[in-house]
C-alpha atoms as a PDB file:
ATOM      1  CA  MET A   1      76.083 114.044 115.890  1.00  0.00           C
ATOM      2  CA  LYS A   2      78.943 113.081 113.647  1.00  0.00           C
ATOM      3  CA  ARG A   3      79.169 111.057 110.513  1.00  0.00           C
ATOM      4  CA  LEU A   4      81.730 109.217 108.451  1.00  0.00           C
ATOM      5  CA  VAL A   5      82.221 109.616 104.778  1.00  0.00           C
ATOM      6  CA  ALA A   6      83.483 107.710 101.795  1.00  0.00           C
ATOM      7  CA  ILE A   7      83.964 109.619  98.559  1.00  0.00           C
ATOM      8  CA  LEU A   8      83.738 107.926  95.153  1.00  0.00           C
ATOM      9  CA  ILE A   9      86.539 109.006  92.825  1.00  0.00           C
ATOM     10  CA  ALA A  10      89.924 107.878  91.348  1.00  0.00           C
ATOM     11  CA  PHE A  11      93.346 108.057  89.423  1.00  0.00           C
ATOM     12  CA  ALA A  12      97.115 109.140  89.458  1.00  0.00           C
ATOM     13  CA  ALA A  13     100.733 108.866  88.261  1.00  0.00           C
ATOM     14  CA  VAL A  14     103.912 110.846  88.759  1.00  0.00           C
ATOM     15  CA  GLY A  15     107.116 111.149  86.816  1.00  0.00           C
ATOM     16  CA  LEU A  16     110.269 110.087  88.617  1.00  0.00           C
ATOM     17  CA  SER A  17     113.897 110.813  87.930  1.00  0.00           C
ATOM     18  CA  HIS A  18     116.440 108.316  89.175  1.00  0.00           C
ATOM     19  CA  GLU A  19     120.056 107.595  89.821  1.00  0.00           C
ATOM     20  CA  THR A  20     121.751 104.234  89.818  1.00  0.00           C
ATOM     21  CA  LEU A  21     122.368 102.979  93.317  1.00  0.00           C
ATOM     22  CA  THR A  22     124.598  99.876  93.380  1.00  0.00           C
ATOM     23  CA  THR A  23     124.689  96.459  91.778  1.00  0.00           C
ATOM     24  CA  THR A  24     124.102  94.710  95.109  1.00  0.00           C
ATOM     25  CA  VAL A  25     120.295  94.565  94.744  1.00  0.00           C
ATOM     26  CA  LEU A  26     119.303  90.919  94.421  1.00  0.00           C
ATOM     27  CA  PHE A  27     116.227  89.115  93.114  1.00  0.00           C
ATOM     28  CA  ASP A  28     116.165  86.729  96.081  1.00  0.00           C
ATOM     29  CA  ARG A  29     116.123  89.625  98.551  1.00  0.00           C
ATOM     30  CA  GLU A  30     114.862  93.053  97.412  1.00  0.00           C
ATOM     31  CA  ILE A  31     113.140  92.267  94.099  1.00  0.00           C
ATOM     32  CA  VAL A  32     111.021  89.358  95.308  1.00  0.00           C
ATOM     33  CA  ARG A  33     109.699  91.579  98.107  1.00  0.00           C
ATOM     34  CA  VAL A  34     108.610  94.192  95.556  1.00  0.00           C
ATOM     35  CA  LEU A  35     106.911  91.480  93.491  1.00  0.00           C
ATOM     36  CA  ASP A  36     105.098  90.124  96.561  1.00  0.00           C
ATOM     37  CA  LYS A  37     103.834  93.572  97.552  1.00  0.00           C
ATOM     38  CA  HIS A  38     102.877  95.058  94.197  1.00  0.00           C
ATOM     39  CA  CYS A  39     103.011  92.660  91.242  1.00  0.00           C
ATOM     40  CA  VAL A  40     102.033  89.013  91.689  1.00  0.00           C
ATOM     41  CA  MET A  41      98.379  89.884  92.294  1.00  0.00           C
ATOM     42  CA  CYS A  42      98.169  90.163  88.483  1.00  0.00           C
ATOM     43  CA  HIS A  43     101.437  88.669  87.233  1.00  0.00           C
ATOM     44  CA  THR A  44     100.866  84.946  87.846  1.00  0.00           C
ATOM     45  CA  GLU A  45     100.160  81.927  85.662  1.00  0.00           C
ATOM     46  CA  ASP A  46      96.475  82.319  86.611  1.00  0.00           C
ATOM     47  CA  GLY A  47      96.416  86.128  86.477  1.00  0.00           C
ATOM     48  CA  PRO A  48      95.518  88.743  83.859  1.00  0.00           C
ATOM     49  CA  SER A  49      99.129  89.402  82.813  1.00  0.00           C
ATOM     50  CA  PHE A  50     102.401  87.585  82.135  1.00  0.00           C
ATOM     51  CA  PRO A  51     103.866  85.797  85.179  1.00  0.00           C
ATOM     52  CA  LEU A  52     106.582  87.327  87.379  1.00  0.00           C
ATOM     53  CA  MET A  53     106.905  84.587  89.963  1.00  0.00           C
ATOM     54  CA  THR A  54     110.326  83.108  89.289  1.00  0.00           C
ATOM     55  CA  TYR A  55     113.734  84.630  88.752  1.00  0.00           C
ATOM     56  CA  GLU A  56     113.777  83.508  85.118  1.00  0.00           C
ATOM     57  CA  GLN A  57     110.359  85.018  84.358  1.00  0.00           C
ATOM     58  CA  THR A  58     111.320  88.327  85.939  1.00  0.00           C
ATOM     59  CA  TRP A  59     114.780  88.477  84.350  1.00  0.00           C
ATOM     60  CA  LEU A  60     113.304  88.111  80.849  1.00  0.00           C
ATOM     61  CA  GLN A  61     110.947  91.046  81.502  1.00  0.00           C
ATOM     62  CA  LYS A  62     113.434  93.261  83.379  1.00  0.00           C
ATOM     63  CA  ARG A  63     113.652  96.038  80.754  1.00  0.00           C
ATOM     64  CA  PRO A  64     109.870  96.545  80.408  1.00  0.00           C
ATOM     65  CA  ILE A  65     109.551  96.380  84.209  1.00  0.00           C
ATOM     66  CA  ARG A  66     112.157  99.136  84.578  1.00  0.00           C
ATOM     67  CA  ALA A  67     110.454 101.341  81.969  1.00  0.00           C
ATOM     68  CA  ASP A  68     106.993 100.918  83.521  1.00  0.00           C
ATOM     69  CA  ALA A  69     108.299 101.603  87.026  1.00  0.00           C
ATOM     70  CA  ILE A  70     109.989 104.863  85.974  1.00  0.00           C
ATOM     71  CA  ALA A  71     106.938 106.017  83.985  1.00  0.00           C
ATOM     72  CA  ARG A  72     104.547 104.973  86.806  1.00  0.00           C
ATOM     73  CA  HIS A  73     102.519 102.901  84.356  1.00  0.00           C
ATOM     74  CA  MET A  74     102.719  99.920  86.676  1.00  0.00           C
ATOM     75  CA  PRO A  75     101.534  99.022  89.193  1.00  0.00           C
ATOM     76  CA  PRO A  76      98.192 100.704  88.402  1.00  0.00           C
ATOM     77  CA  TRP A  77      97.655 103.385  91.045  1.00  0.00           C
ATOM     78  CA  ALA A  78      96.692 106.989  90.351  1.00  0.00           C
ATOM     79  CA  ALA A  79      96.727 108.838  93.690  1.00  0.00           C
ATOM     80  CA  VAL A  80      99.699 111.196  94.058  1.00  0.00           C
ATOM     81  CA  SER A  81     101.692 110.690  97.246  1.00  0.00           C
ATOM     82  CA  GLY A  82     101.266 113.395  99.867  1.00  0.00           C
ATOM     83  CA  TYR A  83      97.504 113.827  99.441  1.00  0.00           C
ATOM     84  CA  GLY A  84      95.801 111.322 101.728  1.00  0.00           C
ATOM     85  CA  GLN A  85      97.064 108.021 103.099  1.00  0.00           C
ATOM     86  CA  PHE A  86      95.284 104.985 101.715  1.00  0.00           C
ATOM     87  CA  VAL A  87      95.286 101.458 103.067  1.00  0.00           C
ATOM     88  CA  ASN A  88      94.889  99.966  99.575  1.00  0.00           C
ATOM     89  CA  GLU A  89      97.715 102.029  98.042  1.00  0.00           C
ATOM     90  CA  ASN A  90      99.621 100.159  95.333  1.00  0.00           C
ATOM     91  CA  ASN A  91     102.206 102.775  94.420  1.00  0.00           C
ATOM     92  CA  LEU A  92     105.919 101.964  94.284  1.00  0.00           C
ATOM     93  CA  THR A  93     107.938 103.954  96.794  1.00  0.00           C
ATOM     94  CA  LEU A  94     111.035 105.832  95.623  1.00  0.00           C
ATOM     95  CA  ARG A  95     113.204 103.215  97.310  1.00  0.00           C
ATOM     96  CA  GLU A  96     111.385 100.342  95.582  1.00  0.00           C
ATOM     97  CA  THR A  97     111.726 102.056  92.209  1.00  0.00           C
ATOM     98  CA  GLN A  98     115.443 102.554  92.797  1.00  0.00           C
ATOM     99  CA  PHE A  99     115.784  98.875  93.696  1.00  0.00           C
ATOM    100  CA  ILE A 100     114.269  97.908  90.336  1.00  0.00           C
ATOM    101  CA  ILE A 101     116.464 100.345  88.400  1.00  0.00           C
ATOM    102  CA  SER A 102     119.630  99.244  90.170  1.00  0.00           C
ATOM    103  CA  TRP A 103     118.817  95.558  89.711  1.00  0.00           C
ATOM    104  CA  VAL A 104     118.144  95.905  85.974  1.00  0.00           C
ATOM    105  CA  GLU A 105     121.166  98.111  85.309  1.00  0.00           C
ATOM    106  CA  GLY A 106     123.294  95.727  87.380  1.00  0.00           C
ATOM    107  CA  LEU A 107     122.343  92.867  85.004  1.00  0.00           C
ATOM    108  CA  GLY A 108     119.730  91.333  87.303  1.00  0.00           C
ATOM    109  CA  PRO A 109     121.641  89.118  89.763  1.00  0.00           C
ATOM    110  CA  ARG A 110     119.697  86.284  91.391  1.00  0.00           C
ATOM    111  CA  ASN A 111     121.598  86.251  94.693  1.00  0.00           C
ATOM    112  CA  ALA A 112     125.024  86.943  96.132  1.00  0.00           C
ATOM    113  CA  GLY A 113     126.510  83.936  94.358  1.00  0.00           C
ATOM    114  CA  THR A 114     126.347  81.572  97.305  1.00  0.00           C
ATOM    115  CA  VAL A 115     123.241  79.704  96.115  1.00  0.00           C
ATOM    116  CA  PHE A 116     122.775  78.229  92.630  1.00  0.00           C
ATOM    117  CA  THR A 117     119.470  76.565  91.879  1.00  0.00           C
ATOM    118  CA  ASN A 118     120.584  75.033  88.575  1.00  0.00           C
ATOM    119  CA  THR A 119     123.428  72.987  90.077  1.00  0.00           C
ATOM    120  CA  ALA A 120     123.808  70.729  93.077  1.00  0.00           C
ATOM    121  CA  THR A 121     126.442  68.471  94.555  1.00  0.00           C
ATOM    122  CA  PRO A 122     125.721  64.812  93.646  1.00  0.00           C
ATOM    123  CA  GLY A 123     123.551  63.313  96.341  1.00  0.00           C
ATOM    124  CA  ALA A 124     122.800  66.692  97.954  1.00  0.00           C
ATOM    125  CA  ALA A 125     119.359  68.241  98.138  1.00  0.00           C
ATOM    126  CA  ARG A 126     118.645  70.893  95.501  1.00  0.00           C
ATOM    127  CA  PRO A 127     118.681  74.401  97.029  1.00  0.00           C
ATOM    128  CA  LYS A 128     115.195  75.837  97.467  1.00  0.00           C
ATOM    129  CA  GLU A 129     114.359  78.385  94.803  1.00  0.00           C
ATOM    130  CA  VAL A 130     113.115  81.791  95.960  1.00  0.00           C
ATOM    131  CA  GLN A 131     109.874  82.786  94.247  1.00  0.00           C
ATOM    132  CA  ALA A 132     107.212  85.438  94.681  1.00  0.00           C
ATOM    133  CA  HIS A 133     104.285  84.265  96.804  1.00  0.00           C
ATOM    134  CA  THR A 134     100.515  84.279  96.353  1.00  0.00           C
ATOM    135  CA  ASP A 135      97.633  83.089  98.545  1.00  0.00           C
ATOM    136  CA  PHE A 136      94.583  83.657  96.385  1.00  0.00           C
ATOM    137  CA  GLY A 137      92.600  80.792  97.885  1.00  0.00           C
ATOM    138  CA  THR A 138      92.550  82.328 101.380  1.00  0.00           C
ATOM    139  CA  TRP A 139      89.958  84.642 102.929  1.00  0.00           C
ATOM    140  CA  HIS A 140      92.127  87.502 104.223  1.00  0.00           C
ATOM    141  CA  LEU A 141      89.565  88.550 106.847  1.00  0.00           C
ATOM    142  CA  GLY A 142      88.871  85.010 108.034  1.00  0.00           C
ATOM    143  CA  GLU A 143      85.934  82.764 107.207  1.00  0.00           C
ATOM    144  CA  PRO A 144      82.882  84.927 106.248  1.00  0.00           C
ATOM    145  CA  GLN A 145      79.707  84.617 108.292  1.00  0.00           C
ATOM    146  CA  LEU A 146      77.648  84.652 105.107  1.00  0.00           C
ATOM    147  CA  LYS A 147      78.829  83.475 101.682  1.00  0.00           C
ATOM    148  CA  ARG A 148      76.967  83.775  98.403  1.00  0.00           C
ATOM    149  CA  GLN A 149      78.162  82.538  95.035  1.00  0.00           C
ATOM    150  CA  LEU A 150      77.540  84.908  92.150  1.00  0.00           C
ATOM    151  CA  PRO A 151      75.789  83.811  88.966  1.00  0.00           C
ATOM    152  CA  ALA A 152      78.194  82.401  86.373  1.00  0.00           C
ATOM    153  CA  ASN A 153      79.376  84.751  83.611  1.00  0.00           C
ATOM    154  CA  THR A 154      80.838  83.510  80.336  1.00  0.00           C
ATOM    155  CA  ILE A 155      83.563  85.865  79.121  1.00  0.00           C
ATOM    156  CA  ASP A 156      84.569  85.594  75.460  1.00  0.00           C
ATOM    157  CA  PRO A 157      88.177  86.101  74.330  1.00  0.00           C
ATOM    158  CA  GLU A 158      89.409  89.696  73.903  1.00  0.00           C
ATOM    159  CA  VAL A 159      86.053  91.181  74.991  1.00  0.00           C
ATOM    160  CA  ASN A 160      85.999  94.034  77.513  1.00  0.00           C
ATOM    161  CA  GLU A 161      82.691  94.579  79.276  1.00  0.00           C
ATOM    162  CA  VAL A 162      80.938  95.344  82.553  1.00  0.00           C
ATOM    163  CA  ARG A 163      78.484  92.724  83.853  1.00  0.00           C
ATOM    164  CA  ARG A 164      75.967  93.253  86.648  1.00  0.00           C
ATOM    165  CA  SER A 165      74.551  90.426  88.738  1.00  0.00           C
ATOM    166  CA  LEU A 166      71.921  90.406  91.481  1.00  0.00           C
ATOM    167  CA  ILE A 167      72.591  88.433  94.681  1.00  0.00           C
ATOM    168  CA  ASP A 168      69.809  87.516  97.107  1.00  0.00           C
ATOM    169  CA  LEU A 169      71.278  87.544 100.627  1.00  0.00           C
ATOM    170  CA  GLY A 170      68.309  85.702 102.107  1.00  0.00           C
ATOM    171  CA  LEU A 171      67.939  88.144 105.030  1.00  0.00           C
ATOM    172  CA  THR A 172      64.587  88.076 106.837  1.00  0.00           C
ATOM    173  CA  SER A 173      65.502  90.901 109.235  1.00  0.00           C
ATOM    174  CA  GLU A 174      67.728  93.965 109.219  1.00  0.00           C
ATOM    175  CA  ARG A 175      71.452  93.218 109.538  1.00  0.00           C
ATOM    176  CA  ARG A 176      74.600  95.300 109.670  1.00  0.00           C
ATOM    177  CA  ILE A 177      77.937  94.399 108.134  1.00  0.00           C
ATOM    178  CA  ARG A 178      81.394  95.525 109.158  1.00  0.00           C
ATOM    179  CA  ALA A 179      83.336  94.036 106.230  1.00  0.00           C
ATOM    180  CA  LEU A 180      82.990  92.532 102.771  1.00  0.00           C
ATOM    181  CA  GLU A 181      85.394  90.336 100.814  1.00  0.00           C
ATOM    182  CA  PHE A 182      85.218  88.955  97.281  1.00  0.00           C
ATOM    183  CA  MET A 183      86.989  85.878  95.924  1.00  0.00           C
ATOM    184  CA  PRO A 184      86.948  85.500  92.109  1.00  0.00           C
ATOM    185  CA  SER A 185      86.969  82.047  90.599  1.00  0.00           C
ATOM    186  CA  ASP A 186      89.213  83.138  87.696  1.00  0.00           C
ATOM    187  CA  ARG A 187      91.446  86.173  88.213  1.00  0.00           C
ATOM    188  CA  ARG A 188      92.585  86.170  84.588  1.00  0.00           C
ATOM    189  CA  VAL A 189      89.546  88.091  83.378  1.00  0.00           C
ATOM    190  CA  ILE A 190      88.600  90.467  86.249  1.00  0.00           C
ATOM    191  CA  ARG A 191      89.949  94.009  86.616  1.00  0.00           C
ATOM    192  CA  ALA A 192      87.620  95.268  89.388  1.00  0.00           C
ATOM    193  CA  ALA A 193      84.324  94.608  91.158  1.00  0.00           C
ATOM    194  CA  PHE A 194      81.980  97.001  92.987  1.00  0.00           C
ATOM    195  CA  PHE A 195      79.135  96.024  95.300  1.00  0.00           C
ATOM    196  CA  THR A 196      76.035  98.068  96.146  1.00  0.00           C
ATOM    197  CA  VAL A 197      72.764  97.385  97.960  1.00  0.00           C
ATOM    198  CA  GLN A 198      69.901  97.298  95.457  1.00  0.00           C
ATOM    199  CA  GLU A 199      67.288  98.578  97.915  1.00  0.00           C
ATOM    200  CA  THR A 200      69.299 101.636  99.051  1.00  0.00           C
ATOM    201  CA  GLY A 201      71.805 102.187  96.241  1.00  0.00           C
ATOM    202  CA  GLN A 202      74.645 102.312  98.770  1.00  0.00           C
ATOM    203  CA  TRP A 203      78.162 101.214  97.902  1.00  0.00           C
ATOM    204  CA  ILE A 204      79.390  98.642 100.435  1.00  0.00           C
ATOM    205  CA  GLY A 205      82.725  97.506  99.061  1.00  0.00           C
ATOM    206  CA  SER A 206      84.998  96.816  96.133  1.00  0.00           C
ATOM    207  CA  TRP A 207      87.590  94.384  94.852  1.00  0.00           C
ATOM    208  CA  THR A 208      90.799  95.016  92.937  1.00  0.00           C
ATOM    209  CA  PRO A 209      93.526  92.454  92.258  1.00  0.00           C
ATOM    210  CA  TRP A 210      95.763  94.008  94.934  1.00  0.00           C
ATOM    211  CA  TYR A 211      93.096  94.667  97.597  1.00  0.00           C
ATOM    212  CA  GLY A 212      90.111  92.368  97.657  1.00  0.00           C
ATOM    213  CA  PHE A 213      88.034  93.555 100.622  1.00  0.00           C
ATOM    214  CA  MET A 214      86.444  96.485 102.454  1.00  0.00           C
ATOM    215  CA  SER A 215      86.802  96.581 106.257  1.00  0.00           C
ATOM    216  CA  LEU A 216      85.194  99.472 108.117  1.00  0.00           C
ATOM    217  CA  PRO A 217      86.599 101.347 111.136  1.00  0.00           C
ATOM    218  CA  LYS A 218      85.735  99.966 114.560  1.00  0.00           C
ATOM    219  CA  GLU A 219      82.093 100.440 115.640  1.00  0.00           C
ATOM    220  CA  THR A 220      80.902 101.424 112.162  1.00  0.00           C
ATOM    221  CA  ALA A 221      78.760  99.396 109.771  1.00  0.00           C
ATOM    222  CA  TYR A 222      76.610  99.338 106.661  1.00  0.00           C
ATOM    223  CA  ARG A 223      72.887  98.712 107.070  1.00  0.00           C
ATOM    224  CA  LEU A 224      71.212  95.905 105.154  1.00  0.00           C
ATOM    225  CA  PRO A 225      67.386  96.112 105.150  1.00  0.00           C
ATOM    226  CA  PRO A 226      65.302  92.924 105.338  1.00  0.00           C
ATOM    227  CA  GLY A 227      65.214  91.173 101.979  1.00  0.00           C
ATOM    228  CA  SER A 228      68.347  92.977 100.752  1.00  0.00           C
ATOM    229  CA  HIS A 229      69.963  92.172  97.428  1.00  0.00           C
ATOM    230  CA  VAL A 230      73.533  93.050  96.465  1.00  0.00           C
ATOM    231  CA  VAL A 231      74.312  94.280  92.970  1.00  0.00           C
ATOM    232  CA  ALA A 232      77.739  93.106  91.767  1.00  0.00           C
ATOM    233  CA  GLU A 233      79.270  95.270  89.034  1.00  0.00           C
ATOM    234  CA  ILE A 234      82.229  93.347  87.610  1.00  0.00           C
ATOM    235  CA  HIS A 235      84.681  94.778  85.093  1.00  0.00           C
ATOM    236  CA  TYR A 236      85.872  92.015  82.786  1.00  0.00           C
ATOM    237  CA  ARG A 237      88.652  91.874  80.214  1.00  0.00           C
ATOM    238  CA  GLY A 238      88.640  88.706  78.155  1.00  0.00           C
ATOM    239  CA  GLY A 239      91.834  86.750  77.623  1.00  0.00           C
ATOM    240  CA  LYS A 240      92.949  84.307  74.957  1.00  0.00           C
ATOM    241  CA  GLU A 241      90.196  81.779  75.585  1.00  0.00           C
ATOM    242  CA  ARG A 242      86.575  81.651  76.683  1.00  0.00           C
ATOM    243  CA  VAL A 243      86.243  81.646  80.483  1.00  0.00           C
ATOM    244  CA  VAL A 244      83.333  80.928  82.827  1.00  0.00           C
ATOM    245  CA  GLU A 245      83.786  83.063  85.948  1.00  0.00           C
ATOM    246  CA  GLN A 246      81.752  82.612  89.135  1.00  0.00           C
ATOM    247  CA  GLY A 247      83.152  84.342  92.197  1.00  0.00           C
ATOM    248  CA  THR A 248      82.030  84.227  95.833  1.00  0.00           C
ATOM    249  CA  LEU A 249      80.981  87.172  98.011  1.00  0.00           C
ATOM    250  CA  GLY A 250      81.675  86.984 101.754  1.00  0.00           C
ATOM    251  CA  LEU A 251      80.019  89.178 104.401  1.00  0.00           C
ATOM    252  CA  PHE A 252      81.050  89.831 108.011  1.00  0.00           C
ATOM    253  CA  PHE A 253      78.356  91.030 110.408  1.00  0.00           C
ATOM    254  CA  ALA A 254      78.619  93.792 113.013  1.00  0.00           C
ATOM    255  CA  ASP A 255      76.886  94.131 116.364  1.00  0.00           C
ATOM    256  CA  GLN A 256      73.339  95.324 115.762  1.00  0.00           C
ATOM    257  CA  THR A 257      73.376  97.923 118.555  1.00  0.00           C
ATOM    258  CA  ALA A 258      76.966  99.200 118.731  1.00  0.00           C
ATOM    259  CA  ALA A 259      77.640 100.127 115.117  1.00  0.00           C
ATOM    260  CA  ASP A 260      77.366 103.655 113.716  1.00  0.00           C
ATOM    261  CA  LEU A 261      75.895 103.629 110.235  1.00  0.00           C
ATOM    262  CA  ILE A 262      77.576 104.711 107.006  1.00  0.00           C
ATOM    263  CA  SER A 263      75.601 106.394 104.258  1.00  0.00           C
ATOM    264  CA  ASP A 264      76.458 107.911 100.861  1.00  0.00           C
ATOM    265  CA  VAL A 265      76.586 111.483  99.612  1.00  0.00           C
ATOM    266  CA  VAL A 266      76.695 112.233  95.901  1.00  0.00           C
ATOM    267  CA  LEU A 267      79.209 114.998  95.321  1.00  0.00           C
ATOM    268  CA  GLU A 268      78.579 117.078  92.212  1.00  0.00           C
ATOM    269  CA  ASN A 269      80.972 120.012  92.219  1.00  0.00           C
ATOM    270  CA  LYS A 270      80.425 121.260  95.817  1.00  0.00           C
ATOM    271  CA  THR A 271      78.577 120.085  98.925  1.00  0.00           C
ATOM    272  CA  ARG A 272      78.402 121.748 102.353  1.00  0.00           C
ATOM    273  CA  LEU A 273      78.368 119.295 105.256  1.00  0.00           C
ATOM    274  CA  ASP A 274      75.562 119.870 107.758  1.00  0.00           C
ATOM    275  CA  ALA A 275      77.142 117.742 110.523  1.00  0.00           C
ATOM    276  CA  ASP A 276      80.543 116.625 111.755  1.00  0.00           C
ATOM    277  CA  THR A 277      81.680 114.068 109.211  1.00  0.00           C
ATOM    278  CA  TYR A 278      84.387 111.442 108.933  1.00  0.00           C
ATOM    279  CA  VAL A 279      85.706 110.509 105.502  1.00  0.00           C
ATOM    280  CA  VAL A 280      86.516 106.805 105.302  1.00  0.00           C
ATOM    281  CA  ALA A 281      86.876 106.187 101.552  1.00  0.00           C
ATOM    282  CA  LEU A 282      86.707 107.852  98.156  1.00  0.00           C
ATOM    283  CA  ARG A 283      85.345 105.917  95.236  1.00  0.00           C
ATOM    284  CA  PRO A 284      85.901 107.062  91.625  1.00  0.00           C
ATOM    285  CA  ASP A 285      83.044 107.876  89.335  1.00  0.00           C
ATOM    286  CA  ILE A 286      85.071 108.455  86.187  1.00  0.00           C
ATOM    287  CA  GLN A 287      83.686 110.400  83.248  1.00  0.00           C
ATOM    288  CA  PRO A 288      85.009 109.876  79.679  1.00  0.00           C
ATOM    289  CA  GLY A 289      88.097 111.934  78.958  1.00  0.00           C
ATOM    290  CA  VAL A 290      88.955 112.658  82.597  1.00  0.00           C
ATOM    291  CA  LYS A 291      92.725 112.628  83.165  1.00  0.00           C
ATOM    292  CA  SER A 292      92.996 114.014  86.696  1.00  0.00           C
ATOM    293  CA  ILE A 293      90.870 114.690  89.752  1.00  0.00           C
ATOM    294  CA  GLU A 294      91.107 116.537  93.032  1.00  0.00           C
ATOM    295  CA  VAL A 295      88.856 116.228  96.063  1.00  0.00           C
ATOM    296  CA  SER A 296      89.339 118.930  98.669  1.00  0.00           C
ATOM    297  CA  ALA A 297      87.692 120.054 101.906  1.00  0.00           C
ATOM    298  CA  ARG A 298      87.526 123.780 102.804  1.00  0.00           C
ATOM    299  CA  LYS A 299      86.909 123.991 106.540  1.00  0.00           C
ATOM    300  CA  PRO A 300      85.004 126.732 108.407  1.00  0.00           C
ATOM    301  CA  ASP A 301      88.291 128.228 109.702  1.00  0.00           C
ATOM    302  CA  GLY A 302      89.428 128.801 106.103  1.00  0.00           C
ATOM    303  CA  GLY A 303      91.914 125.942 105.963  1.00  0.00           C
ATOM    304  CA  THR A 304      91.824 123.552 103.006  1.00  0.00           C
ATOM    305  CA  GLU A 305      92.766 119.879 103.034  1.00  0.00           C
ATOM    306  CA  VAL A 306      93.242 117.911  99.813  1.00  0.00           C
ATOM    307  CA  LEU A 307      91.785 114.462 100.413  1.00  0.00           C
ATOM    308  CA  LEU A 308      92.775 113.038  97.035  1.00  0.00           C
ATOM    309  CA  PHE A 309      94.778 114.224  94.047  1.00  0.00           C
ATOM    310  CA  ALA A 310      95.102 111.793  91.173  1.00  0.00           C
ATOM    311  CA  LYS A 311      96.351 112.120  87.618  1.00  0.00           C
ATOM    312  CA  ASP A 312      96.964 110.033  84.499  1.00  0.00           C
ATOM    313  CA  ILE A 313      94.043 107.893  85.552  1.00  0.00           C
ATOM    314  CA  PRO A 314      94.138 104.268  84.306  1.00  0.00           C
ATOM    315  CA  VAL A 315      90.486 103.883  83.353  1.00  0.00           C
ATOM    316  CA  ASP A 316      90.923 100.156  82.726  1.00  0.00           C
ATOM    317  CA  TRP A 317      91.857  99.664  86.416  1.00  0.00           C
ATOM    318  CA  PRO A 318      89.000 101.297  88.372  1.00  0.00           C
ATOM    319  CA  THR A 319      89.633 101.461  92.110  1.00  0.00           C
ATOM    320  CA  PRO A 320      88.344 103.076  95.299  1.00  0.00           C
ATOM    321  CA  TYR A 321      90.640 104.961  97.685  1.00  0.00           C
ATOM    322  CA  ILE A 322      90.246 103.678 101.226  1.00  0.00           C
ATOM    323  CA  LEU A 323      91.781 105.856 103.926  1.00  0.00           C
ATOM    324  CA  LYS A 324      94.039 104.317 106.562  1.00  0.00           C
ATOM    325  CA  GLU A 325      92.323 106.438 109.214  1.00  0.00           C
ATOM    326  CA  PRO A 326      89.015 108.361 108.983  1.00  0.00           C
ATOM    327  CA  VAL A 327      89.487 112.080 108.307  1.00  0.00           C
ATOM    328  CA  ARG A 328      87.351 114.348 110.499  1.00  0.00           C
ATOM    329  CA  LEU A 329      85.627 117.275 108.794  1.00  0.00           C
ATOM    330  CA  PRO A 330      83.684 119.719 111.008  1.00  0.00           C
ATOM    331  CA  ARG A 331      80.180 120.890 110.285  1.00  0.00           C
ATOM    332  CA  GLY A 332      80.159 123.602 107.632  1.00  0.00           C
ATOM    333  CA  THR A 333      83.057 122.140 105.641  1.00  0.00           C
ATOM    334  CA  VAL A 334      82.634 122.483 101.880  1.00  0.00           C
ATOM    335  CA  LEU A 335      83.610 119.382  99.925  1.00  0.00           C
ATOM    336  CA  SER A 336      84.478 119.987  96.288  1.00  0.00           C
ATOM    337  CA  VAL A 337      85.659 117.882  93.383  1.00  0.00           C
ATOM    338  CA  THR A 338      87.312 119.017  90.168  1.00  0.00           C
ATOM    339  CA  GLY A 339      88.094 116.959  87.115  1.00  0.00           C
ATOM    340  CA  THR A 340      84.882 114.935  86.930  1.00  0.00           C
ATOM    341  CA  ALA A 341      81.179 115.678  86.726  1.00  0.00           C
ATOM    342  CA  ARG A 342      80.161 113.442  89.601  1.00  0.00           C
ATOM    343  CA  SER A 343      81.696 111.728  92.604  1.00  0.00           C
ATOM    344  CA  THR A 344      80.039 109.699  95.335  1.00  0.00           C
ATOM    345  CA  VAL A 345      80.929 110.204  98.980  1.00  0.00           C
ATOM    346  CA  SER A 346      80.150 107.471 101.464  1.00  0.00           C
ATOM    347  CA  VAL A 347      79.232 109.102 104.760  1.00  0.00           C
ATOM    348  CA  TYR A 348      79.248 107.731 108.261  1.00  0.00           C
ATOM    349  CA  ARG A 349      76.957 109.328 110.852  1.00  0.00           C
ATOM    350  CA  ALA A 350      77.875 108.537 114.457  1.00  0.00           C
ATOM    351  CA  ARG A 351      75.030 108.128 116.929  1.00  0.00           C
ATOM    352  CA  ARG A 352      77.051 108.741 120.073  1.00  0.00           C
END
């Protein structure tokens, strides 16, 4: 018997010294790639923060961008590198940070001087401008097998709140899902969303601006009882105007017979595992005043593995930590968490 696990927890930030590289870093080459990977999920005309799509928009904000990158204030990601590998990681690498520093200190060149978007030879086509790219209207996992629109929420300007909605899935028999994806209708006002099954209390997925789905390892699944309802917990931050937000939840079904089931374990201080267990994700359960957290596993042979270490936790950007590969923990391992009063561990029990 073995089982998989997902632990609910969060946070991190590290200081970073730097040295200037060269002035050959270009917006059209290195910087736009950094924006695509880490920034434009929020920094768009229709996002929660000022746009960083074009060269001009980014150039005007280059000094604040440099300061936030060095201080690790942005992008919002709390897990310290070296403790777990996460598929939804949004941390700048050292190389990416050095690109930003070099570009800003080199006066922010657009390109190597061979392409000018503000001039063109009479009669010639205007050179195509390089911009950061978004594809918010696309389901990243493909077309869902079941889609449900959430109830509409009216969000007033400058109001921060958490709203909970109940979604009837319309299931007349037990089903199993292998993935979940959420598509907001207005990204300007959403910081995060968490989804649980009302009948079992189990967490089945989350959404953040930079990672909008939960896809389980092969041959694993969540169980949905007949008549299941999903509770959507959405973290809103109002903007400059009143907004009506009504997102769509998409579900992807697994084979009813082949999938091993995932369950949850609530971790309060320490828990000893009574079966072989695989950790698949760690979801934060942040308590007021918490600045750092560590989740570790002490194995029966005496070895200890730190699954997550996070500090300087951005509480206004709640996020799960989804492992790239499940971490196997043998029976008798003691899971412990420090820095918070309660953490939830999602556990997968294999039947084979």
